[in-house]
């Protein structure tokens, strides 16, 4: 079995990387940054997002596991002191693979047939660089609303605990194949109206955003910020591809939610 390691590049993460690499090599596993079967992410959830996008071309062949060197994360659930236990489990292949849904983002342009396509593990956001964002929101081919405000966020179920939650969106169990559209500071008055609530869309639905007041938009794909010019429309749907995580022990999603947002350090 081949493995690779992604780190946060701090002192602790680098030390844990060297330990894990040495242990796994002693067990006969091969270090391969190009075609790994399993990727260890050492740092936080952001580190795993970097690993996901680095190996996005190998989602059907690569599984991810996270070791957190700070606060407990939703993707990084192993502690530094457990590194030897984790390595032994990897070497013995004592793990199951679980899959979570991803978000597919397609950006169409006005003056060309080119289409930019991305996959997001957490979310994609759309903002206007200088003015209020005005977008027509279309659901399954039918006009739903004209949005005016700071921006829109479309998240995956596993990403619902990230930026989406900060915007007041719902927390969705990652086993559900869905996506969630959440508003950023929408303008609602006697003239302009939006639904004002997050929308949870099932996997057979699609959402198309069509610009009203300008063709240039700042689009984020997880941690990546991309300026797209001359945009005709932005399409969202639940991707047919899924991310794979190596699961070595039970770690229920709702316990993770409780430990991250409710449990105190006292």
C-alpha atoms as a PDB file:
ATOM      1  CA  UNK A   1       0.000   0.000   0.000  1.00  0.00           C
ATOM      2  CA  UNK A   2       1.170   3.507  -0.850  1.00  0.00           C
ATOM      3  CA  UNK A   3       0.759   6.555   1.381  1.00  0.00           C
ATOM      4  CA  UNK A   4       1.388  10.292   1.376  1.00  0.00           C
ATOM      5  CA  UNK A   5       1.336  12.942   4.111  1.00  0.00           C
ATOM      6  CA  UNK A   6       0.035  16.536   4.004  1.00  0.00           C
ATOM      7  CA  UNK A   7       0.961  18.856   6.893  1.00  0.00           C
ATOM      8  CA  UNK A   8       0.238  22.330   8.174  1.00  0.00           C
ATOM      9  CA  UNK A   9       3.993  23.010   8.027  1.00  0.00           C
ATOM     10  CA  UNK A  10       4.328  23.911  11.698  1.00  0.00           C
ATOM     11  CA  UNK A  11       6.869  22.320  14.031  1.00  0.00           C
ATOM     12  CA  UNK A  12       4.502  19.790  15.629  1.00  0.00           C
ATOM     13  CA  UNK A  13       2.958  18.717  12.334  1.00  0.00           C
ATOM     14  CA  UNK A  14       6.384  18.244  10.754  1.00  0.00           C
ATOM     15  CA  UNK A  15       7.543  16.124  13.697  1.00  0.00           C
ATOM     16  CA  UNK A  16       4.444  13.952  13.503  1.00  0.00           C
ATOM     17  CA  UNK A  17       4.946  13.601   9.757  1.00  0.00           C
ATOM     18  CA  UNK A  18       8.470  12.261  10.278  1.00  0.00           C
ATOM     19  CA  UNK A  19       7.242   9.837  12.947  1.00  0.00           C
ATOM     20  CA  UNK A  20       4.373   8.546  10.827  1.00  0.00           C
ATOM     21  CA  UNK A  21       6.542   8.241   7.720  1.00  0.00           C
ATOM     22  CA  UNK A  22       9.171   6.275   9.648  1.00  0.00           C
ATOM     23  CA  UNK A  23       6.633   3.943  11.262  1.00  0.00           C
ATOM     24  CA  UNK A  24       4.786   3.217   8.016  1.00  0.00           C
ATOM     25  CA  UNK A  25       8.027   2.636   6.098  1.00  0.00           C
ATOM     26  CA  UNK A  26       9.114   0.173   8.792  1.00  0.00           C
ATOM     27  CA  UNK A  27       5.866  -1.721   8.215  1.00  0.00           C
ATOM     28  CA  UNK A  28       6.689  -1.998   4.514  1.00  0.00           C
ATOM     29  CA  UNK A  29       4.394   0.686   3.159  1.00  0.00           C
ATOM     30  CA  UNK A  30       5.651   2.816   0.276  1.00  0.00           C
ATOM     31  CA  UNK A  31       5.733   6.611   0.423  1.00  0.00           C
ATOM     32  CA  UNK A  32       4.309   7.920  -2.877  1.00  0.00           C
ATOM     33  CA  UNK A  33       3.133  11.523  -3.277  1.00  0.00           C
ATOM     34  CA  UNK A  34       1.829  10.884  -6.780  1.00  0.00           C
ATOM     35  CA  UNK A  35      -0.463   7.862  -6.429  1.00  0.00           C
ATOM     36  CA  UNK A  36      -1.173   7.230  -2.714  1.00  0.00           C
ATOM     37  CA  UNK A  37      -3.845   4.814  -1.541  1.00  0.00           C
ATOM     38  CA  UNK A  38      -4.189   6.732   1.715  1.00  0.00           C
ATOM     39  CA  UNK A  39      -3.288  10.313   2.657  1.00  0.00           C
ATOM     40  CA  UNK A  40      -2.562  11.386   6.215  1.00  0.00           C
ATOM     41  CA  UNK A  41      -3.478  15.007   6.855  1.00  0.00           C
ATOM     42  CA  UNK A  42      -1.655  16.420   9.891  1.00  0.00           C
ATOM     43  CA  UNK A  43      -2.886  19.821  11.081  1.00  0.00           C
ATOM     44  CA  UNK A  44      -6.545  20.770  10.982  1.00  0.00           C
ATOM     45  CA  UNK A  45      -9.575  20.694   8.710  1.00  0.00           C
ATOM     46  CA  UNK A  46      -7.916  23.304   6.492  1.00  0.00           C
ATOM     47  CA  UNK A  47      -4.951  21.004   5.979  1.00  0.00           C
ATOM     48  CA  UNK A  48      -7.274  18.242   4.849  1.00  0.00           C
ATOM     49  CA  UNK A  49      -8.961  20.616   2.402  1.00  0.00           C
ATOM     50  CA  UNK A  50      -5.533  21.242   0.858  1.00  0.00           C
ATOM     51  CA  UNK A  51      -4.930  17.486   0.672  1.00  0.00           C
ATOM     52  CA  UNK A  52      -8.333  16.930  -0.940  1.00  0.00           C
ATOM     53  CA  UNK A  53      -7.645  19.430  -3.706  1.00  0.00           C
ATOM     54  CA  UNK A  54      -4.122  18.127  -4.208  1.00  0.00           C
ATOM     55  CA  UNK A  55      -5.461  14.618  -4.876  1.00  0.00           C
ATOM     56  CA  UNK A  56      -8.790  15.590  -6.401  1.00  0.00           C
ATOM     57  CA  UNK A  57      -7.881  13.636  -9.520  1.00  0.00           C
ATOM     58  CA  UNK A  58      -7.633  10.414  -7.468  1.00  0.00           C
ATOM     59  CA  UNK A  59     -10.861  10.470  -5.445  1.00  0.00           C
ATOM     60  CA  UNK A  60     -11.839   6.954  -6.523  1.00  0.00           C
ATOM     61  CA  UNK A  61      -8.476   5.551  -5.412  1.00  0.00           C
ATOM     62  CA  UNK A  62      -7.379   7.622  -2.404  1.00  0.00           C
ATOM     63  CA  UNK A  63      -8.792   7.720   1.133  1.00  0.00           C
ATOM     64  CA  UNK A  64      -8.058  10.475   3.653  1.00  0.00           C
ATOM     65  CA  UNK A  65      -7.495  10.447   7.414  1.00  0.00           C
ATOM     66  CA  UNK A  66      -6.851  13.487   9.606  1.00  0.00           C
ATOM     67  CA  UNK A  67      -4.686  14.054  12.692  1.00  0.00           C
ATOM     68  CA  UNK A  68      -5.388  17.354  14.439  1.00  0.00           C
ATOM     69  CA  UNK A  69      -2.591  19.370  16.002  1.00  0.00           C
ATOM     70  CA  UNK A  70      -4.939  22.053  17.333  1.00  0.00           C
ATOM     71  CA  UNK A  71      -8.640  21.884  18.050  1.00  0.00           C
ATOM     72  CA  UNK A  72     -10.732  18.825  17.255  1.00  0.00           C
ATOM     73  CA  UNK A  73     -11.967  18.987  13.672  1.00  0.00           C
ATOM     74  CA  UNK A  74     -14.700  17.388  11.614  1.00  0.00           C
ATOM     75  CA  UNK A  75     -12.151  15.842   9.254  1.00  0.00           C
ATOM     76  CA  UNK A  76      -9.165  15.603  11.602  1.00  0.00           C
ATOM     77  CA  UNK A  77     -10.290  13.410  14.493  1.00  0.00           C
ATOM     78  CA  UNK A  78      -7.061  11.689  15.634  1.00  0.00           C
ATOM     79  CA  UNK A  79      -4.852  13.140  18.368  1.00  0.00           C
ATOM     80  CA  UNK A  80      -1.032  13.460  18.147  1.00  0.00           C
ATOM     81  CA  UNK A  81      -0.556  10.973  21.005  1.00  0.00           C
ATOM     82  CA  UNK A  82      -2.469   8.369  18.963  1.00  0.00           C
ATOM     83  CA  UNK A  83      -0.079   8.454  15.994  1.00  0.00           C
ATOM     84  CA  UNK A  84       1.439   5.024  16.714  1.00  0.00           C
ATOM     85  CA  UNK A  85      -1.979   3.417  17.150  1.00  0.00           C
ATOM     86  CA  UNK A  86      -3.161   4.949  13.887  1.00  0.00           C
ATOM     87  CA  UNK A  87      -0.082   3.817  11.986  1.00  0.00           C
ATOM     88  CA  UNK A  88      -0.491   0.217  13.185  1.00  0.00           C
ATOM     89  CA  UNK A  89      -4.144   0.244  12.079  1.00  0.00           C
ATOM     90  CA  UNK A  90      -3.139   1.567   8.649  1.00  0.00           C
ATOM     91  CA  UNK A  91      -0.408  -1.040   8.277  1.00  0.00           C
ATOM     92  CA  UNK A  92      -2.845  -3.812   9.186  1.00  0.00           C
ATOM     93  CA  UNK A  93      -5.527  -2.296   6.924  1.00  0.00           C
ATOM     94  CA  UNK A  94      -7.932  -2.273   9.858  1.00  0.00           C
ATOM     95  CA  UNK A  95     -10.246   0.386   8.542  1.00  0.00           C
ATOM     96  CA  UNK A  96     -13.449   0.918   6.607  1.00  0.00           C
ATOM     97  CA  UNK A  97     -13.963   3.496   3.892  1.00  0.00           C
ATOM     98  CA  UNK A  98     -16.873   5.904   4.158  1.00  0.00           C
ATOM     99  CA  UNK A  99     -17.922   8.270   1.408  1.00  0.00           C
ATOM    100  CA  UNK A 100     -19.355  11.785   1.631  1.00  0.00           C
ATOM    101  CA  UNK A 101     -21.063  13.781  -1.156  1.00  0.00           C
ATOM    102  CA  UNK A 102     -19.329  16.635  -2.950  1.00  0.00           C
ATOM    103  CA  UNK A 103     -20.514  19.796  -4.680  1.00  0.00           C
ATOM    104  CA  UNK A 104     -20.022  20.289  -8.413  1.00  0.00           C
ATOM    105  CA  UNK A 105     -19.643  23.875  -9.621  1.00  0.00           C
ATOM    106  CA  UNK A 106     -19.875  24.809 -13.306  1.00  0.00           C
ATOM    107  CA  UNK A 107     -19.161  28.356 -14.477  1.00  0.00           C
ATOM    108  CA  UNK A 108     -20.369  29.316 -17.964  1.00  0.00           C
ATOM    109  CA  UNK A 109     -19.077  32.372 -19.808  1.00  0.00           C
ATOM    110  CA  UNK A 110     -20.808  34.890 -22.056  1.00  0.00           C
ATOM    111  CA  UNK A 111     -18.302  35.144 -24.882  1.00  0.00           C
ATOM    112  CA  UNK A 112     -17.036  31.569 -25.159  1.00  0.00           C
ATOM    113  CA  UNK A 113     -18.175  27.970 -24.942  1.00  0.00           C
ATOM    114  CA  UNK A 114     -15.553  27.295 -22.269  1.00  0.00           C
ATOM    115  CA  UNK A 115     -16.860  25.872 -18.984  1.00  0.00           C
ATOM    116  CA  UNK A 116     -14.884  25.934 -15.728  1.00  0.00           C
ATOM    117  CA  UNK A 117     -15.758  22.952 -13.526  1.00  0.00           C
ATOM    118  CA  UNK A 118     -14.780  22.484  -9.872  1.00  0.00           C
ATOM    119  CA  UNK A 119     -15.456  20.151  -6.962  1.00  0.00           C
ATOM    120  CA  UNK A 120     -15.907  21.457  -3.415  1.00  0.00           C
ATOM    121  CA  UNK A 121     -15.618  19.447  -0.208  1.00  0.00           C
ATOM    122  CA  UNK A 122     -17.034  22.202   2.036  1.00  0.00           C
ATOM    123  CA  UNK A 123     -18.660  24.965   0.043  1.00  0.00           C
ATOM    124  CA  UNK A 124     -18.640  27.453  -2.808  1.00  0.00           C
ATOM    125  CA  UNK A 125     -19.496  31.114  -2.363  1.00  0.00           C
ATOM    126  CA  UNK A 126     -20.302  33.889  -4.840  1.00  0.00           C
ATOM    127  CA  UNK A 127     -19.735  37.590  -4.164  1.00  0.00           C
ATOM    128  CA  UNK A 128     -19.604  40.701  -6.308  1.00  0.00           C
ATOM    129  CA  UNK A 129     -16.181  42.389  -6.037  1.00  0.00           C
ATOM    130  CA  UNK A 130     -17.386  45.992  -5.651  1.00  0.00           C
ATOM    131  CA  UNK A 131     -21.197  46.252  -5.599  1.00  0.00           C
ATOM    132  CA  UNK A 132     -24.210  44.479  -4.120  1.00  0.00           C
ATOM    133  CA  UNK A 133     -24.617  41.002  -5.580  1.00  0.00           C
ATOM    134  CA  UNK A 134     -27.770  40.695  -7.681  1.00  0.00           C
ATOM    135  CA  UNK A 135     -28.470  37.182  -8.913  1.00  0.00           C
ATOM    136  CA  UNK A 136     -31.483  35.398 -10.347  1.00  0.00           C
ATOM    137  CA  UNK A 137     -31.806  32.050  -8.554  1.00  0.00           C
ATOM    138  CA  UNK A 138     -33.218  29.210 -10.666  1.00  0.00           C
ATOM    139  CA  UNK A 139     -34.181  25.839  -9.195  1.00  0.00           C
ATOM    140  CA  UNK A 140     -34.707  22.932 -11.578  1.00  0.00           C
ATOM    141  CA  UNK A 141     -35.275  25.232 -14.544  1.00  0.00           C
ATOM    142  CA  UNK A 142     -37.792  27.483 -12.760  1.00  0.00           C
ATOM    143  CA  UNK A 143     -37.107  31.019 -11.557  1.00  0.00           C
ATOM    144  CA  UNK A 144     -37.211  31.083  -7.741  1.00  0.00           C
ATOM    145  CA  UNK A 145     -36.112  34.566  -6.662  1.00  0.00           C
ATOM    146  CA  UNK A 146     -33.927  37.555  -7.426  1.00  0.00           C
ATOM    147  CA  UNK A 147     -31.317  37.782  -4.677  1.00  0.00           C
ATOM    148  CA  UNK A 148     -29.801  41.075  -3.554  1.00  0.00           C
ATOM    149  CA  UNK A 149     -27.187  41.117  -0.815  1.00  0.00           C
ATOM    150  CA  UNK A 150     -23.574  40.400   0.058  1.00  0.00           C
ATOM    151  CA  UNK A 151     -23.414  36.938  -1.474  1.00  0.00           C
ATOM    152  CA  UNK A 152     -24.592  33.343  -1.610  1.00  0.00           C
ATOM    153  CA  UNK A 153     -23.080  30.161  -0.195  1.00  0.00           C
ATOM    154  CA  UNK A 154     -23.743  26.642  -1.464  1.00  0.00           C
ATOM    155  CA  UNK A 155     -22.439  23.984   0.924  1.00  0.00           C
ATOM    156  CA  UNK A 156     -22.120  20.233   1.106  1.00  0.00           C
ATOM    157  CA  UNK A 157     -23.538  18.308   4.107  1.00  0.00           C
ATOM    158  CA  UNK A 158     -20.032  17.786   5.528  1.00  0.00           C
ATOM    159  CA  UNK A 159     -19.348  21.493   4.975  1.00  0.00           C
ATOM    160  CA  UNK A 160     -22.592  22.534   6.670  1.00  0.00           C
ATOM    161  CA  UNK A 161     -20.698  22.907   9.967  1.00  0.00           C
ATOM    162  CA  UNK A 162     -18.240  25.403   8.458  1.00  0.00           C
ATOM    163  CA  UNK A 163     -19.036  28.781   6.830  1.00  0.00           C
ATOM    164  CA  UNK A 164     -22.640  27.709   6.241  1.00  0.00           C
ATOM    165  CA  UNK A 165     -23.242  27.434   9.995  1.00  0.00           C
ATOM    166  CA  UNK A 166     -21.747  30.874  10.581  1.00  0.00           C
ATOM    167  CA  UNK A 167     -24.318  32.224   8.100  1.00  0.00           C
ATOM    168  CA  UNK A 168     -27.176  30.619  10.017  1.00  0.00           C
ATOM    169  CA  UNK A 169     -27.527  27.548   7.828  1.00  0.00           C
ATOM    170  CA  UNK A 170     -28.672  24.145   9.036  1.00  0.00           C
ATOM    171  CA  UNK A 171     -26.318  21.352  10.057  1.00  0.00           C
ATOM    172  CA  UNK A 172     -26.876  18.362   7.757  1.00  0.00           C
ATOM    173  CA  UNK A 173     -25.628  14.836   8.359  1.00  0.00           C
ATOM    174  CA  UNK A 174     -22.971  14.041   5.711  1.00  0.00           C
ATOM    175  CA  UNK A 175     -24.642  10.748   4.829  1.00  0.00           C
ATOM    176  CA  UNK A 176     -27.403  12.719   3.095  1.00  0.00           C
ATOM    177  CA  UNK A 177     -26.719  13.471  -0.599  1.00  0.00           C
ATOM    178  CA  UNK A 178     -27.763  17.107  -0.648  1.00  0.00           C
ATOM    179  CA  UNK A 179     -26.571  20.700  -0.954  1.00  0.00           C
ATOM    180  CA  UNK A 180     -27.609  23.846   0.928  1.00  0.00           C
ATOM    181  CA  UNK A 181     -28.001  27.408  -0.363  1.00  0.00           C
ATOM    182  CA  UNK A 182     -27.550  30.072   2.327  1.00  0.00           C
ATOM    183  CA  UNK A 183     -27.823  33.843   2.006  1.00  0.00           C
ATOM    184  CA  UNK A 184     -25.270  36.435   3.086  1.00  0.00           C
ATOM    185  CA  UNK A 185     -26.963  39.606   4.377  1.00  0.00           C
ATOM    186  CA  UNK A 186     -29.847  39.669   1.905  1.00  0.00           C
ATOM    187  CA  UNK A 187     -31.729  42.921   1.257  1.00  0.00           C
ATOM    188  CA  UNK A 188     -35.369  42.515   2.274  1.00  0.00           C
ATOM    189  CA  UNK A 189     -37.782  45.453   2.283  1.00  0.00           C
ATOM    190  CA  UNK A 190     -41.069  46.540   0.685  1.00  0.00           C
ATOM    191  CA  UNK A 191     -39.463  46.486  -2.760  1.00  0.00           C
ATOM    192  CA  UNK A 192     -36.961  43.623  -2.681  1.00  0.00           C
ATOM    193  CA  UNK A 193     -37.742  40.197  -1.197  1.00  0.00           C
ATOM    194  CA  UNK A 194     -35.918  36.870  -0.842  1.00  0.00           C
ATOM    195  CA  UNK A 195     -37.013  33.708   0.934  1.00  0.00           C
ATOM    196  CA  UNK A 196     -34.640  34.618   3.780  1.00  0.00           C
ATOM    197  CA  UNK A 197     -34.035  31.001   4.804  1.00  0.00           C
ATOM    198  CA  UNK A 198     -31.483  28.353   3.816  1.00  0.00           C
ATOM    199  CA  UNK A 199     -32.647  25.961   1.114  1.00  0.00           C
ATOM    200  CA  UNK A 200     -31.716  22.263   1.351  1.00  0.00           C
ATOM    201  CA  UNK A 201     -31.778  20.669  -2.097  1.00  0.00           C
ATOM    202  CA  UNK A 202     -31.685  16.898  -2.782  1.00  0.00           C
ATOM    203  CA  UNK A 203     -29.210  15.281  -5.130  1.00  0.00           C
ATOM    204  CA  UNK A 204     -31.572  15.229  -8.137  1.00  0.00           C
ATOM    205  CA  UNK A 205     -32.066  19.016  -8.007  1.00  0.00           C
ATOM    206  CA  UNK A 206     -29.907  21.714  -9.554  1.00  0.00           C
ATOM    207  CA  UNK A 207     -29.455  25.416  -8.904  1.00  0.00           C
ATOM    208  CA  UNK A 208     -28.415  28.024 -11.477  1.00  0.00           C
ATOM    209  CA  UNK A 209     -27.339  31.561 -10.578  1.00  0.00           C
ATOM    210  CA  UNK A 210     -27.607  34.123 -13.380  1.00  0.00           C
ATOM    211  CA  UNK A 211     -26.041  37.571 -12.876  1.00  0.00           C
ATOM    212  CA  UNK A 212     -28.192  40.678 -13.204  1.00  0.00           C
ATOM    213  CA  UNK A 213     -25.835  43.562 -12.410  1.00  0.00           C
ATOM    214  CA  UNK A 214     -22.407  42.588 -13.733  1.00  0.00           C
ATOM    215  CA  UNK A 215     -20.368  39.766 -15.245  1.00  0.00           C
ATOM    216  CA  UNK A 216     -17.426  39.625 -12.814  1.00  0.00           C
ATOM    217  CA  UNK A 217     -17.588  37.622  -9.585  1.00  0.00           C
ATOM    218  CA  UNK A 218     -15.384  36.404  -6.789  1.00  0.00           C
ATOM    219  CA  UNK A 219     -16.058  32.665  -6.472  1.00  0.00           C
ATOM    220  CA  UNK A 220     -14.599  30.538  -3.706  1.00  0.00           C
ATOM    221  CA  UNK A 221     -14.144  26.780  -3.886  1.00  0.00           C
ATOM    222  CA  UNK A 222     -13.364  25.761  -0.303  1.00  0.00           C
ATOM    223  CA  UNK A 223     -10.199  27.743   0.548  1.00  0.00           C
ATOM    224  CA  UNK A 224      -9.537  28.798  -3.055  1.00  0.00           C
ATOM    225  CA  UNK A 225     -10.517  32.349  -4.107  1.00  0.00           C
ATOM    226  CA  UNK A 226     -11.036  32.800  -7.837  1.00  0.00           C
ATOM    227  CA  UNK A 227     -12.040  35.912  -9.785  1.00  0.00           C
ATOM    228  CA  UNK A 228     -14.173  34.942 -12.786  1.00  0.00           C
ATOM    229  CA  UNK A 229     -14.862  37.511 -15.489  1.00  0.00           C
ATOM    230  CA  UNK A 230     -17.625  37.621 -18.098  1.00  0.00           C
ATOM    231  CA  UNK A 231     -19.782  35.073 -16.253  1.00  0.00           C
ATOM    232  CA  UNK A 232     -23.021  33.950 -17.915  1.00  0.00           C
ATOM    233  CA  UNK A 233     -24.207  31.607 -15.170  1.00  0.00           C
ATOM    234  CA  UNK A 234     -23.029  29.483 -12.256  1.00  0.00           C
ATOM    235  CA  UNK A 235     -24.501  25.995 -11.885  1.00  0.00           C
ATOM    236  CA  UNK A 236     -24.551  23.912  -8.712  1.00  0.00           C
ATOM    237  CA  UNK A 237     -25.437  20.262  -8.228  1.00  0.00           C
ATOM    238  CA  UNK A 238     -24.503  17.327  -6.023  1.00  0.00           C
ATOM    239  CA  UNK A 239     -21.556  15.692  -7.746  1.00  0.00           C
ATOM    240  CA  UNK A 240     -21.533  12.101  -8.921  1.00  0.00           C
ATOM    241  CA  UNK A 241     -18.073  11.845  -7.353  1.00  0.00           C
ATOM    242  CA  UNK A 242     -17.578  11.362  -3.613  1.00  0.00           C
ATOM    243  CA  UNK A 243     -14.720  11.867  -1.179  1.00  0.00           C
ATOM    244  CA  UNK A 244     -13.443   8.785   0.660  1.00  0.00           C
ATOM    245  CA  UNK A 245     -12.357   8.779   4.320  1.00  0.00           C
ATOM    246  CA  UNK A 246     -10.572   5.954   6.123  1.00  0.00           C
ATOM    247  CA  UNK A 247     -12.580   5.230   9.280  1.00  0.00           C
ATOM    248  CA  UNK A 248     -10.751   3.228  11.965  1.00  0.00           C
ATOM    249  CA  UNK A 249     -13.230   3.571  14.817  1.00  0.00           C
ATOM    250  CA  UNK A 250     -16.730   4.866  15.452  1.00  0.00           C
ATOM    251  CA  UNK A 251     -16.914   8.632  15.671  1.00  0.00           C
ATOM    252  CA  UNK A 252     -20.586   9.604  15.291  1.00  0.00           C
ATOM    253  CA  UNK A 253     -21.251  12.843  13.454  1.00  0.00           C
ATOM    254  CA  UNK A 254     -23.575  14.239  16.119  1.00  0.00           C
ATOM    255  CA  UNK A 255     -20.955  13.588  18.797  1.00  0.00           C
ATOM    256  CA  UNK A 256     -18.534  15.592  16.691  1.00  0.00           C
ATOM    257  CA  UNK A 257     -21.090  18.405  16.502  1.00  0.00           C
ATOM    258  CA  UNK A 258     -21.602  18.254  20.276  1.00  0.00           C
ATOM    259  CA  UNK A 259     -17.873  18.219  21.045  1.00  0.00           C
ATOM    260  CA  UNK A 260     -17.156  21.081  18.644  1.00  0.00           C
ATOM    261  CA  UNK A 261     -19.981  23.466  19.463  1.00  0.00           C
ATOM    262  CA  UNK A 262     -21.579  22.512  22.777  1.00  0.00           C
ATOM    263  CA  UNK A 263     -19.112  20.747  25.096  1.00  0.00           C
ATOM    264  CA  UNK A 264     -17.061  23.085  27.301  1.00  0.00           C
ATOM    265  CA  UNK A 265     -13.428  22.712  28.306  1.00  0.00           C
ATOM    266  CA  UNK A 266     -14.366  22.749  31.989  1.00  0.00           C
END
